[in-house]
Protein backbone atom coordinates (compact mmCIF):
# COMPACT_ATOMS: atom_id res chain seq x y z
CA MET A 1 -9.05 -10.73 6.54
CA SER A 2 -7.51 -12.91 9.23
CA ILE A 3 -4.69 -15.36 8.51
CA ASP A 4 -4.70 -18.66 10.39
CA HIS A 5 -1.23 -19.19 11.89
CA SER A 6 -2.03 -22.51 13.54
CA ILE A 7 0.36 -25.37 12.84
CA THR A 8 -0.02 -29.09 13.41
CA LEU A 9 3.12 -30.70 14.81
CA GLU A 10 3.58 -33.90 12.84
CA GLN A 11 5.89 -36.87 12.80
CA PHE A 12 7.81 -37.35 9.57
CA ILE A 13 8.42 -40.95 8.54
CA TRP A 14 11.23 -41.36 6.03
CA ASP A 15 12.93 -44.37 4.54
CA SER A 16 16.45 -43.16 3.93
CA ASN A 17 17.25 -42.77 0.25
CA PRO A 18 20.89 -41.88 -0.51
CA THR A 19 19.94 -40.86 -4.07
CA ASP A 20 17.68 -38.06 -2.75
CA LYS A 21 19.67 -34.81 -2.65
CA ASP A 22 17.91 -33.87 0.59
CA ASN A 23 18.40 -37.25 2.26
CA ASN A 24 20.48 -35.95 5.20
CA PHE A 25 17.96 -33.25 6.05
CA LYS A 26 15.02 -35.66 5.73
CA ASN A 27 16.82 -38.17 7.96
CA ASP A 28 17.23 -35.43 10.59
CA VAL A 29 13.58 -34.41 10.33
CA ALA A 30 12.51 -38.04 10.71
CA LEU A 31 14.79 -38.46 13.72
CA TYR A 32 13.79 -35.29 15.55
CA THR A 33 10.06 -35.57 14.92
CA GLN A 34 9.85 -38.85 16.80
CA GLU A 35 9.61 -36.94 20.07
CA ASN A 36 7.04 -34.44 21.30
CA PRO A 37 8.68 -31.08 22.08
CA LEU A 38 5.58 -29.54 23.63
CA PRO A 39 6.13 -30.66 27.26
CA THR A 40 9.50 -28.86 27.24
CA VAL A 41 8.11 -25.79 25.48
CA ILE A 42 5.11 -25.60 27.82
CA ARG A 43 7.34 -25.97 30.89
CA LEU A 44 9.65 -23.23 29.58
CA SER A 45 6.62 -21.04 28.85
CA ARG A 46 5.22 -21.54 32.33
CA ASN A 47 8.56 -21.09 34.14
CA LEU A 48 9.54 -17.93 32.26
CA ASN A 49 6.03 -16.51 31.88
CA ILE A 50 6.38 -16.29 28.09
CA PRO A 51 3.50 -17.39 25.84
CA THR A 52 4.00 -20.84 24.34
CA GLY A 53 3.49 -19.52 20.82
CA ALA A 54 6.20 -16.91 21.37
CA ILE A 55 8.67 -19.61 22.42
CA VAL A 56 7.81 -21.76 19.40
CA ARG A 57 8.16 -18.70 17.15
CA TYR A 58 11.55 -17.89 18.74
CA ILE A 59 12.78 -21.45 18.18
CA LEU A 60 11.66 -21.43 14.55
CA CYS A 61 13.16 -18.00 13.84
CA LYS A 62 16.40 -18.86 15.62
CA TRP A 63 16.77 -22.06 13.56
CA ALA A 64 15.74 -20.40 10.30
CA MET A 65 18.26 -17.61 10.80
CA SER A 66 21.10 -19.83 11.97
CA GLY A 67 22.53 -20.08 8.45
CA SER A 68 22.73 -16.30 8.18
CA GLU A 69 24.10 -16.08 11.70
CA SER A 70 26.81 -18.61 10.86
CA LEU A 71 27.70 -16.60 7.77
CA LEU A 72 28.05 -13.48 9.90
CA ASP A 73 30.14 -15.36 12.47
CA LEU A 74 32.52 -16.81 9.91
CA GLY A 75 32.39 -13.90 7.50
CA PRO A 76 31.52 -13.92 3.81
CA ASP A 77 35.16 -13.80 2.70
CA MET A 78 36.06 -16.90 4.68
CA VAL A 79 32.95 -18.77 3.54
CA LYS A 80 33.84 -17.95 -0.08
CA LYS A 81 37.48 -18.96 0.43
CA ILE A 82 36.54 -22.35 1.89
CA SER A 83 33.86 -22.90 -0.73
CA ASP A 84 36.34 -22.07 -3.52
CA ILE A 85 38.80 -24.61 -2.13
CA PHE A 86 36.18 -27.35 -2.31
CA ASP A 87 34.85 -26.22 -5.71
CA SER A 88 38.36 -26.31 -7.14
CA ALA A 89 38.99 -29.80 -5.79
CA GLU A 90 35.64 -31.01 -7.11
CA SER A 91 36.37 -29.60 -10.57
CA VAL A 92 39.61 -31.59 -10.74
CA GLY A 93 37.80 -34.56 -9.21
CA THR A 94 40.75 -36.64 -8.07
CA ASP A 95 41.09 -38.08 -4.58
CA GLN A 96 44.50 -36.42 -4.33
CA GLU A 97 42.98 -32.98 -5.03
CA LYS A 98 40.13 -33.61 -2.56
CA LEU A 99 42.65 -34.60 0.11
CA LYS A 100 44.62 -31.44 -0.64
CA ALA A 101 41.42 -29.39 -0.17
CA TYR A 102 40.71 -31.15 3.11
CA LYS A 103 44.21 -30.32 4.36
CA MET A 104 43.85 -26.67 3.30
CA VAL A 105 40.55 -26.27 5.13
CA LYS A 106 41.95 -28.10 8.16
CA GLU A 107 44.81 -25.56 8.28
CA ILE A 108 42.35 -22.67 8.08
CA MET A 109 40.26 -24.15 10.88
CA SER A 110 43.32 -24.80 13.05
CA TRP A 111 44.28 -21.12 13.10
CA MET A 112 40.65 -20.07 13.54
CA LYS A 113 40.47 -22.34 16.62
CA VAL A 114 43.46 -20.76 18.34
CA PRO A 115 41.37 -18.32 20.45
CA LEU A 116 39.07 -21.18 21.47
CA ASP A 117 41.94 -23.47 22.45
CA ASP A 118 44.08 -20.80 24.11
CA PRO A 119 42.22 -17.74 25.45
CA ASP A 120 45.59 -16.16 26.38
CA TYR A 121 47.07 -16.54 22.89
CA ARG A 122 47.57 -12.76 22.53
CA ASN A 123 49.58 -12.41 25.75
């Protein structure tokens, strides 16, 4: 039994709805589906001698796995720590507690950025 793997590339039209929990994602899909990616993919396929379908599959897999890749880059402990900071602030619910959480995460990010800002930081 053969499975049909063909896909139709479609435009997604979306009237933004801030009450929809997926509004940001749907806005992005609507924005990025306005253009036709095939000329770029076909050119890349031709120039690198890679089948078009393989390039599309690579792009889809790379995007689909980017969440897992980000988790590996940041590390599960750090993701949990940052998430806990926000969860704690949300449970209190005050603007003061949310600002405190923002400042805590900003501090974490500032020391994580040190190697990016100063490649010689260990010297």
